[in-house]
C-alpha atoms as a PDB file:
ATOM      1  CA  UNK A   1      42.829  61.720 -24.013  1.00  0.00           C
ATOM      2  CA  UNK A   2      39.356  60.879 -25.291  1.00  0.00           C
ATOM      3  CA  UNK A   3      38.431  58.832 -28.338  1.00  0.00           C
ATOM      4  CA  UNK A   4      37.741  60.818 -31.512  1.00  0.00           C
ATOM      5  CA  UNK A   5      34.019  60.311 -32.050  1.00  0.00           C
ATOM      6  CA  UNK A   6      33.824  62.682 -35.013  1.00  0.00           C
ATOM      7  CA  UNK A   7      35.522  60.153 -37.291  1.00  0.00           C
ATOM      8  CA  UNK A   8      33.041  58.367 -39.599  1.00  0.00           C
ATOM      9  CA  UNK A   9      34.279  54.922 -38.583  1.00  0.00           C
ATOM     10  CA  UNK A  10      32.834  53.369 -35.448  1.00  0.00           C
ATOM     11  CA  UNK A  11      34.697  53.633 -32.155  1.00  0.00           C
ATOM     12  CA  UNK A  12      35.121  50.300 -30.342  1.00  0.00           C
ATOM     13  CA  UNK A  13      33.567  50.963 -26.946  1.00  0.00           C
ATOM     14  CA  UNK A  14      36.273  48.855 -25.298  1.00  0.00           C
ATOM     15  CA  UNK A  15      38.756  51.566 -26.369  1.00  0.00           C
ATOM     16  CA  UNK A  16      36.845  54.466 -24.791  1.00  0.00           C
ATOM     17  CA  UNK A  17      39.177  55.621 -21.998  1.00  0.00           C
ATOM     18  CA  UNK A  18      38.099  55.877 -18.402  1.00  0.00           C
ATOM     19  CA  UNK A  19      38.085  59.375 -16.848  1.00  0.00           C
ATOM     20  CA  UNK A  20      40.998  60.657 -14.836  1.00  0.00           C
ATOM     21  CA  UNK A  21      40.239  62.520 -11.597  1.00  0.00           C
ATOM     22  CA  UNK A  22      40.758  65.842 -13.384  1.00  0.00           C
ATOM     23  CA  UNK A  23      38.416  64.918 -16.219  1.00  0.00           C
ATOM     24  CA  UNK A  24      35.820  63.572 -13.777  1.00  0.00           C
ATOM     25  CA  UNK A  25      35.924  66.911 -11.964  1.00  0.00           C
ATOM     26  CA  UNK A  26      35.475  68.752 -15.250  1.00  0.00           C
ATOM     27  CA  UNK A  27      32.476  66.625 -16.239  1.00  0.00           C
ATOM     28  CA  UNK A  28      30.925  67.147 -12.833  1.00  0.00           C
ATOM     29  CA  UNK A  29      31.371  70.909 -12.798  1.00  0.00           C
ATOM     30  CA  UNK A  30      29.940  71.456 -16.286  1.00  0.00           C
ATOM     31  CA  UNK A  31      26.959  69.171 -15.601  1.00  0.00           C
ATOM     32  CA  UNK A  32      26.313  70.913 -12.279  1.00  0.00           C
ATOM     33  CA  UNK A  33      26.581  74.468 -13.590  1.00  0.00           C
ATOM     34  CA  UNK A  34      24.297  73.753 -16.536  1.00  0.00           C
ATOM     35  CA  UNK A  35      21.724  72.319 -14.144  1.00  0.00           C
ATOM     36  CA  UNK A  36      21.872  75.437 -11.953  1.00  0.00           C
ATOM     37  CA  UNK A  37      21.621  77.700 -14.997  1.00  0.00           C
ATOM     38  CA  UNK A  38      18.496  75.817 -16.094  1.00  0.00           C
ATOM     39  CA  UNK A  39      16.858  75.900 -12.662  1.00  0.00           C
ATOM     40  CA  UNK A  40      17.263  79.670 -12.454  1.00  0.00           C
ATOM     41  CA  UNK A  41      15.111  80.032 -15.604  1.00  0.00           C
ATOM     42  CA  UNK A  42      12.155  77.982 -14.352  1.00  0.00           C
ATOM     43  CA  UNK A  43       8.828  79.661 -13.741  1.00  0.00           C
ATOM     44  CA  UNK A  44       6.864  78.827 -10.563  1.00  0.00           C
ATOM     45  CA  UNK A  45       4.470  76.575 -12.489  1.00  0.00           C
ATOM     46  CA  UNK A  46       7.361  74.583 -13.989  1.00  0.00           C
ATOM     47  CA  UNK A  47       8.313  73.073 -10.628  1.00  0.00           C
ATOM     48  CA  UNK A  48       5.119  70.994 -10.444  1.00  0.00           C
ATOM     49  CA  UNK A  49       5.296  69.618 -13.977  1.00  0.00           C
ATOM     50  CA  UNK A  50       5.516  65.813 -14.304  1.00  0.00           C
ATOM     51  CA  UNK A  51       8.743  64.283 -15.588  1.00  0.00           C
ATOM     52  CA  UNK A  52       9.773  61.106 -17.389  1.00  0.00           C
ATOM     53  CA  UNK A  53      10.637  59.703 -13.946  1.00  0.00           C
ATOM     54  CA  UNK A  54       6.961  59.190 -13.267  1.00  0.00           C
ATOM     55  CA  UNK A  55       7.218  59.198  -9.457  1.00  0.00           C
ATOM     56  CA  UNK A  56       8.657  62.729  -9.480  1.00  0.00           C
ATOM     57  CA  UNK A  57       7.649  66.172 -10.615  1.00  0.00           C
ATOM     58  CA  UNK A  58      10.364  68.733 -11.351  1.00  0.00           C
ATOM     59  CA  UNK A  59      10.644  69.892  -7.722  1.00  0.00           C
ATOM     60  CA  UNK A  60      11.062  66.320  -6.475  1.00  0.00           C
ATOM     61  CA  UNK A  61      13.665  65.649  -9.149  1.00  0.00           C
ATOM     62  CA  UNK A  62      15.648  68.646  -7.976  1.00  0.00           C
ATOM     63  CA  UNK A  63      15.239  67.436  -4.379  1.00  0.00           C
ATOM     64  CA  UNK A  64      16.884  64.190  -5.475  1.00  0.00           C
ATOM     65  CA  UNK A  65      19.748  66.160  -7.001  1.00  0.00           C
ATOM     66  CA  UNK A  66      20.186  68.190  -3.824  1.00  0.00           C
ATOM     67  CA  UNK A  67      20.250  65.004  -1.787  1.00  0.00           C
ATOM     68  CA  UNK A  68      22.673  63.375  -4.182  1.00  0.00           C
ATOM     69  CA  UNK A  69      25.157  66.219  -3.922  1.00  0.00           C
ATOM     70  CA  UNK A  70      24.692  66.325  -0.151  1.00  0.00           C
ATOM     71  CA  UNK A  71      25.809  62.680  -0.056  1.00  0.00           C
ATOM     72  CA  UNK A  72      29.188  63.789  -1.349  1.00  0.00           C
ATOM     73  CA  UNK A  73      29.929  66.260   1.414  1.00  0.00           C
ATOM     74  CA  UNK A  74      31.485  63.748   3.809  1.00  0.00           C
ATOM     75  CA  UNK A  75      31.686  60.156   4.969  1.00  0.00           C
ATOM     76  CA  UNK A  76      28.966  60.591   7.572  1.00  0.00           C
ATOM     77  CA  UNK A  77      26.336  61.792   5.118  1.00  0.00           C
ATOM     78  CA  UNK A  78      27.488  59.291   2.485  1.00  0.00           C
ATOM     79  CA  UNK A  79      26.960  56.316   4.765  1.00  0.00           C
ATOM     80  CA  UNK A  80      23.787  57.737   6.318  1.00  0.00           C
ATOM     81  CA  UNK A  81      22.187  57.788   2.885  1.00  0.00           C
ATOM     82  CA  UNK A  82      23.758  54.647   1.454  1.00  0.00           C
ATOM     83  CA  UNK A  83      22.707  52.515   4.417  1.00  0.00           C
ATOM     84  CA  UNK A  84      19.013  53.233   3.762  1.00  0.00           C
ATOM     85  CA  UNK A  85      17.399  49.767   3.599  1.00  0.00           C
ATOM     86  CA  UNK A  86      15.512  49.055   0.357  1.00  0.00           C
ATOM     87  CA  UNK A  87      11.891  48.073   0.522  1.00  0.00           C
ATOM     88  CA  UNK A  88      10.821  44.818  -1.059  1.00  0.00           C
ATOM     89  CA  UNK A  89      11.478  45.026  -4.790  1.00  0.00           C
ATOM     90  CA  UNK A  90      13.486  48.277  -4.557  1.00  0.00           C
ATOM     91  CA  UNK A  91      16.944  48.744  -6.004  1.00  0.00           C
ATOM     92  CA  UNK A  92      19.478  50.134  -3.508  1.00  0.00           C
ATOM     93  CA  UNK A  93      19.584  53.500  -5.279  1.00  0.00           C
ATOM     94  CA  UNK A  94      15.773  53.695  -5.265  1.00  0.00           C
ATOM     95  CA  UNK A  95      15.837  53.539  -1.478  1.00  0.00           C
ATOM     96  CA  UNK A  96      18.469  56.291  -1.353  1.00  0.00           C
ATOM     97  CA  UNK A  97      16.480  58.418  -3.798  1.00  0.00           C
ATOM     98  CA  UNK A  98      13.304  57.942  -1.753  1.00  0.00           C
ATOM     99  CA  UNK A  99      15.127  59.191   1.336  1.00  0.00           C
ATOM    100  CA  UNK A 100      16.601  62.188  -0.477  1.00  0.00           C
ATOM    101  CA  UNK A 101      13.244  63.295  -1.828  1.00  0.00           C
ATOM    102  CA  UNK A 102      11.328  62.545   1.375  1.00  0.00           C
ATOM    103  CA  UNK A 103      13.693  64.567   3.537  1.00  0.00           C
ATOM    104  CA  UNK A 104      13.110  67.568   1.271  1.00  0.00           C
ATOM    105  CA  UNK A 105       9.353  67.197   0.891  1.00  0.00           C
ATOM    106  CA  UNK A 106       8.719  70.702   2.258  1.00  0.00           C
ATOM    107  CA  UNK A 107      11.653  72.462   0.610  1.00  0.00           C
ATOM    108  CA  UNK A 108      10.827  75.332  -1.732  1.00  0.00           C
ATOM    109  CA  UNK A 109      12.513  75.689  -5.128  1.00  0.00           C
ATOM    110  CA  UNK A 110      14.626  78.541  -3.754  1.00  0.00           C
ATOM    111  CA  UNK A 111      15.736  76.389  -0.812  1.00  0.00           C
ATOM    112  CA  UNK A 112      16.659  73.506  -3.111  1.00  0.00           C
ATOM    113  CA  UNK A 113      18.728  75.771  -5.347  1.00  0.00           C
ATOM    114  CA  UNK A 114      20.431  77.230  -2.283  1.00  0.00           C
ATOM    115  CA  UNK A 115      21.256  73.753  -0.999  1.00  0.00           C
ATOM    116  CA  UNK A 116      22.699  72.762  -4.360  1.00  0.00           C
ATOM    117  CA  UNK A 117      24.891  75.865  -4.378  1.00  0.00           C
ATOM    118  CA  UNK A 118      26.101  75.034  -0.860  1.00  0.00           C
ATOM    119  CA  UNK A 119      26.798  71.304  -1.158  1.00  0.00           C
ATOM    120  CA  UNK A 120      27.618  70.981  -4.870  1.00  0.00           C
ATOM    121  CA  UNK A 121      31.171  72.413  -4.888  1.00  0.00           C
ATOM    122  CA  UNK A 122      32.130  70.359  -1.815  1.00  0.00           C
ATOM    123  CA  UNK A 123      30.714  67.150  -3.272  1.00  0.00           C
ATOM    124  CA  UNK A 124      32.349  67.547  -6.672  1.00  0.00           C
ATOM    125  CA  UNK A 125      35.754  68.120  -5.109  1.00  0.00           C
ATOM    126  CA  UNK A 126      35.388  65.072  -2.862  1.00  0.00           C
ATOM    127  CA  UNK A 127      34.016  62.844  -5.623  1.00  0.00           C
ATOM    128  CA  UNK A 128      36.899  63.651  -7.930  1.00  0.00           C
ATOM    129  CA  UNK A 129      39.769  63.773  -5.445  1.00  0.00           C
ATOM    130  CA  UNK A 130      38.561  62.689  -2.014  1.00  0.00           C
ATOM    131  CA  UNK A 131      37.020  59.653  -0.353  1.00  0.00           C
ATOM    132  CA  UNK A 132      40.426  58.003  -0.583  1.00  0.00           C
ATOM    133  CA  UNK A 133      39.658  55.683   2.322  1.00  0.00           C
ATOM    134  CA  UNK A 134      37.158  53.866   0.109  1.00  0.00           C
ATOM    135  CA  UNK A 135      38.998  51.453  -2.158  1.00  0.00           C
ATOM    136  CA  UNK A 136      37.826  51.103  -5.793  1.00  0.00           C
ATOM    137  CA  UNK A 137      36.388  47.639  -5.170  1.00  0.00           C
ATOM    138  CA  UNK A 138      33.470  46.660  -7.377  1.00  0.00           C
ATOM    139  CA  UNK A 139      30.484  45.005  -5.728  1.00  0.00           C
ATOM    140  CA  UNK A 140      27.548  43.196  -7.390  1.00  0.00           C
ATOM    141  CA  UNK A 141      24.735  45.443  -8.619  1.00  0.00           C
ATOM    142  CA  UNK A 142      21.469  44.360 -10.295  1.00  0.00           C
ATOM    143  CA  UNK A 143      21.784  46.970 -13.077  1.00  0.00           C
ATOM    144  CA  UNK A 144      25.469  47.817 -13.311  1.00  0.00           C
ATOM    145  CA  UNK A 145      26.677  44.231 -13.001  1.00  0.00           C
ATOM    146  CA  UNK A 146      29.524  45.294 -10.715  1.00  0.00           C
ATOM    147  CA  UNK A 147      29.756  48.801  -9.351  1.00  0.00           C
ATOM    148  CA  UNK A 148      32.369  50.727  -7.395  1.00  0.00           C
ATOM    149  CA  UNK A 149      32.195  53.960  -5.423  1.00  0.00           C
ATOM    150  CA  UNK A 150      34.833  55.311  -7.821  1.00  0.00           C
ATOM    151  CA  UNK A 151      32.536  54.638 -10.795  1.00  0.00           C
ATOM    152  CA  UNK A 152      29.692  56.385  -9.001  1.00  0.00           C
ATOM    153  CA  UNK A 153      31.910  59.381  -8.274  1.00  0.00           C
ATOM    154  CA  UNK A 154      33.742  59.685 -11.587  1.00  0.00           C
ATOM    155  CA  UNK A 155      31.038  58.622 -14.049  1.00  0.00           C
ATOM    156  CA  UNK A 156      27.522  58.147 -12.646  1.00  0.00           C
ATOM    157  CA  UNK A 157      27.080  61.433 -10.772  1.00  0.00           C
ATOM    158  CA  UNK A 158      27.839  63.674 -13.769  1.00  0.00           C
ATOM    159  CA  UNK A 159      25.711  61.387 -15.962  1.00  0.00           C
ATOM    160  CA  UNK A 160      22.824  61.523 -13.497  1.00  0.00           C
ATOM    161  CA  UNK A 161      22.858  65.325 -13.415  1.00  0.00           C
ATOM    162  CA  UNK A 162      23.127  65.451 -17.219  1.00  0.00           C
ATOM    163  CA  UNK A 163      20.164  63.080 -17.581  1.00  0.00           C
ATOM    164  CA  UNK A 164      17.960  64.881 -15.075  1.00  0.00           C
ATOM    165  CA  UNK A 165      18.680  68.186 -16.790  1.00  0.00           C
ATOM    166  CA  UNK A 166      17.372  66.584 -19.974  1.00  0.00           C
ATOM    167  CA  UNK A 167      14.311  65.362 -18.050  1.00  0.00           C
ATOM    168  CA  UNK A 168      13.598  68.881 -16.778  1.00  0.00           C
ATOM    169  CA  UNK A 169      14.151  70.441 -20.199  1.00  0.00           C
ATOM    170  CA  UNK A 170      11.673  68.067 -21.803  1.00  0.00           C
ATOM    171  CA  UNK A 171       9.170  68.494 -18.968  1.00  0.00           C
ATOM    172  CA  UNK A 172       9.252  72.282 -19.187  1.00  0.00           C
ATOM    173  CA  UNK A 173       9.822  72.824 -22.898  1.00  0.00           C
ATOM    174  CA  UNK A 174      13.316  74.267 -22.421  1.00  0.00           C
ATOM    175  CA  UNK A 175      16.130  73.696 -24.913  1.00  0.00           C
ATOM    176  CA  UNK A 176      18.856  71.271 -23.802  1.00  0.00           C
ATOM    177  CA  UNK A 177      22.227  73.025 -23.920  1.00  0.00           C
ATOM    178  CA  UNK A 178      24.905  70.853 -25.518  1.00  0.00           C
ATOM    179  CA  UNK A 179      28.516  71.134 -26.603  1.00  0.00           C
ATOM    180  CA  UNK A 180      30.368  68.392 -28.416  1.00  0.00           C
ATOM    181  CA  UNK A 181      33.254  68.280 -25.935  1.00  0.00           C
ATOM    182  CA  UNK A 182      31.153  67.762 -22.814  1.00  0.00           C
ATOM    183  CA  UNK A 183      28.002  66.007 -23.967  1.00  0.00           C
ATOM    184  CA  UNK A 184      29.743  63.671 -26.396  1.00  0.00           C
ATOM    185  CA  UNK A 185      32.022  62.493 -23.607  1.00  0.00           C
ATOM    186  CA  UNK A 186      29.056  61.850 -21.298  1.00  0.00           C
ATOM    187  CA  UNK A 187      27.371  59.815 -24.058  1.00  0.00           C
ATOM    188  CA  UNK A 188      30.590  57.938 -24.835  1.00  0.00           C
ATOM    189  CA  UNK A 189      30.924  56.832 -21.212  1.00  0.00           C
ATOM    190  CA  UNK A 190      27.342  55.575 -21.384  1.00  0.00           C
ATOM    191  CA  UNK A 191      28.342  53.527 -24.420  1.00  0.00           C
ATOM    192  CA  UNK A 192      31.361  52.212 -22.543  1.00  0.00           C
ATOM    193  CA  UNK A 193      28.960  50.836 -19.942  1.00  0.00           C
ATOM    194  CA  UNK A 194      26.670  49.491 -22.688  1.00  0.00           C
ATOM    195  CA  UNK A 195      29.646  47.533 -23.981  1.00  0.00           C
ATOM    196  CA  UNK A 196      30.375  46.072 -20.552  1.00  0.00           C
ATOM    197  CA  UNK A 197      26.747  45.054 -20.084  1.00  0.00           C
ATOM    198  CA  UNK A 198      26.380  43.455 -23.529  1.00  0.00           C
ATOM    199  CA  UNK A 199      29.807  41.897 -24.070  1.00  0.00           C
ATOM    200  CA  UNK A 200      28.779  38.415 -22.881  1.00  0.00           C
ATOM    201  CA  UNK A 201      25.461  38.472 -24.760  1.00  0.00           C
ATOM    202  CA  UNK A 202      26.652  38.915 -28.348  1.00  0.00           C
ATOM    203  CA  UNK A 203      27.888  35.409 -29.094  1.00  0.00           C
ATOM    204  CA  UNK A 204      31.011  36.602 -30.877  1.00  0.00           C
ATOM    205  CA  UNK A 205      29.177  39.140 -33.063  1.00  0.00           C
ATOM    206  CA  UNK A 206      29.354  42.902 -33.024  1.00  0.00           C
ATOM    207  CA  UNK A 207      26.585  45.467 -32.696  1.00  0.00           C
ATOM    208  CA  UNK A 208      26.884  48.962 -34.158  1.00  0.00           C
ATOM    209  CA  UNK A 209      25.209  52.011 -32.586  1.00  0.00           C
ATOM    210  CA  UNK A 210      24.881  55.004 -34.917  1.00  0.00           C
ATOM    211  CA  UNK A 211      23.663  57.826 -32.669  1.00  0.00           C
ATOM    212  CA  UNK A 212      22.817  61.198 -34.188  1.00  0.00           C
ATOM    213  CA  UNK A 213      22.975  64.617 -32.567  1.00  0.00           C
ATOM    214  CA  UNK A 214      25.558  66.876 -30.932  1.00  0.00           C
ATOM    215  CA  UNK A 215      26.460  64.219 -28.349  1.00  0.00           C
ATOM    216  CA  UNK A 216      26.276  61.353 -30.831  1.00  0.00           C
ATOM    217  CA  UNK A 217      28.776  59.143 -32.576  1.00  0.00           C
ATOM    218  CA  UNK A 218      29.251  55.687 -34.059  1.00  0.00           C
ATOM    219  CA  UNK A 219      30.094  52.963 -31.553  1.00  0.00           C
ATOM    220  CA  UNK A 220      30.878  49.281 -32.001  1.00  0.00           C
ATOM    221  CA  UNK A 221      30.045  46.892 -29.188  1.00  0.00           C
ATOM    222  CA  UNK A 222      31.643  43.444 -29.273  1.00  0.00           C
ATOM    223  CA  UNK A 223      34.734  42.098 -31.008  1.00  0.00           C
ATOM    224  CA  UNK A 224      33.140  40.541 -34.073  1.00  0.00           C
ATOM    225  CA  UNK A 225      31.875  42.085 -37.272  1.00  0.00           C
ATOM    226  CA  UNK A 226      28.613  43.994 -36.666  1.00  0.00           C
ATOM    227  CA  UNK A 227      25.605  41.753 -37.278  1.00  0.00           C
ATOM    228  CA  UNK A 228      23.173  44.661 -36.863  1.00  0.00           C
ATOM    229  CA  UNK A 229      23.179  48.464 -36.763  1.00  0.00           C
ATOM    230  CA  UNK A 230      20.925  50.591 -34.582  1.00  0.00           C
ATOM    231  CA  UNK A 231      20.307  54.195 -35.660  1.00  0.00           C
ATOM    232  CA  UNK A 232      18.758  56.598 -33.147  1.00  0.00           C
ATOM    233  CA  UNK A 233      18.901  60.122 -31.787  1.00  0.00           C
ATOM    234  CA  UNK A 234      21.463  60.121 -28.997  1.00  0.00           C
ATOM    235  CA  UNK A 235      19.208  61.850 -26.457  1.00  0.00           C
ATOM    236  CA  UNK A 236      16.360  59.428 -27.144  1.00  0.00           C
ATOM    237  CA  UNK A 237      18.855  56.588 -26.772  1.00  0.00           C
ATOM    238  CA  UNK A 238      19.835  57.776 -23.303  1.00  0.00           C
ATOM    239  CA  UNK A 239      16.204  58.159 -22.299  1.00  0.00           C
ATOM    240  CA  UNK A 240      15.669  54.548 -23.341  1.00  0.00           C
ATOM    241  CA  UNK A 241      18.909  53.153 -21.856  1.00  0.00           C
ATOM    242  CA  UNK A 242      18.013  54.738 -18.513  1.00  0.00           C
ATOM    243  CA  UNK A 243      14.629  52.969 -18.450  1.00  0.00           C
ATOM    244  CA  UNK A 244      12.481  56.015 -19.191  1.00  0.00           C
ATOM    245  CA  UNK A 245      11.285  54.546 -22.510  1.00  0.00           C
ATOM    246  CA  UNK A 246       9.926  51.040 -22.738  1.00  0.00           C
ATOM    247  CA  UNK A 247      11.497  48.885 -25.430  1.00  0.00           C
ATOM    248  CA  UNK A 248       8.340  49.264 -27.496  1.00  0.00           C
ATOM    249  CA  UNK A 249       8.489  53.048 -27.345  1.00  0.00           C
ATOM    250  CA  UNK A 250      12.209  53.017 -28.103  1.00  0.00           C
ATOM    251  CA  UNK A 251      11.632  50.620 -31.018  1.00  0.00           C
ATOM    252  CA  UNK A 252       9.358  53.186 -32.647  1.00  0.00           C
ATOM    253  CA  UNK A 253      12.222  55.706 -32.472  1.00  0.00           C
ATOM    254  CA  UNK A 254      15.147  53.674 -33.820  1.00  0.00           C
ATOM    255  CA  UNK A 255      15.827  51.796 -37.026  1.00  0.00           C
ATOM    256  CA  UNK A 256      17.559  48.442 -36.951  1.00  0.00           C
ATOM    257  CA  UNK A 257      19.294  47.067 -40.021  1.00  0.00           C
ATOM    258  CA  UNK A 258      21.029  43.735 -40.434  1.00  0.00           C
ATOM    259  CA  UNK A 259      19.990  40.772 -38.314  1.00  0.00           C
ATOM    260  CA  UNK A 260      17.163  42.387 -36.353  1.00  0.00           C
ATOM    261  CA  UNK A 261      15.880  39.012 -35.120  1.00  0.00           C
ATOM    262  CA  UNK A 262      19.219  38.440 -33.395  1.00  0.00           C
ATOM    263  CA  UNK A 263      19.606  41.983 -32.069  1.00  0.00           C
ATOM    264  CA  UNK A 264      16.132  42.702 -30.678  1.00  0.00           C
ATOM    265  CA  UNK A 265      16.191  40.183 -27.777  1.00  0.00           C
ATOM    266  CA  UNK A 266      19.573  41.571 -26.729  1.00  0.00           C
ATOM    267  CA  UNK A 267      18.446  45.193 -26.946  1.00  0.00           C
ATOM    268  CA  UNK A 268      15.183  44.504 -25.145  1.00  0.00           C
ATOM    269  CA  UNK A 269      17.074  43.981 -21.877  1.00  0.00           C
ATOM    270  CA  UNK A 270      19.341  47.010 -22.195  1.00  0.00           C
ATOM    271  CA  UNK A 271      19.393  49.075 -18.994  1.00  0.00           C
ATOM    272  CA  UNK A 272      22.240  51.315 -17.824  1.00  0.00           C
ATOM    273  CA  UNK A 273      22.684  52.933 -14.430  1.00  0.00           C
ATOM    274  CA  UNK A 274      22.276  56.737 -14.387  1.00  0.00           C
END
């Protein structure tokens, strides 16, 4: 059962429930199908358009998605990708992404879509219900704090596809399909991770996020009374929380009431894994 985000009062992010395997599978399948539906509408010139992930154009972003779903097809491919050594200054996932894109450097859009159709259903089934030999042990991560394979499978993969669909929509001028049931749950699980990242930085205060839009809601981070309230479009918030907006660009898009001097240094370091 998910938290009711339509209620005008703020939802404590600590009370946002974690997905079950069935819900994780549902989030994955909707995110995946909406991505495929979008890709089928792209014109040839759309595939070379730059995206908010500045190292990638649309085709390279889709190559990353194809590689990501391929990683879920079995233990061999999972470990082959995940054991890619990072270069100096790279995050572990950056090294994996570089490999995924590089191995598909010559793939055409049609070939990438075909690969997604082939590997996607297998990966989603395994992410939700398989890989049982890998225990849900969290390991240190420079962005996520501590990260488990289960969290990657049940939360991050559907979020990543959701976010890259938004990237492609904004790069190509397409509308971003949303429904409250699916997109609000994706955004709520982002806020759950925001709460985990910020909980030791609030000094006993609370911080309220008032996010507008179909996927939006009101969320309270921290146990204390809110010392500040951030108001922002929910899609812009996710673009910022994923590192696509600098703090300065994000600051021009949100309003901050209450103790802004206290809140800004905390918000400046916000970064969530997608």
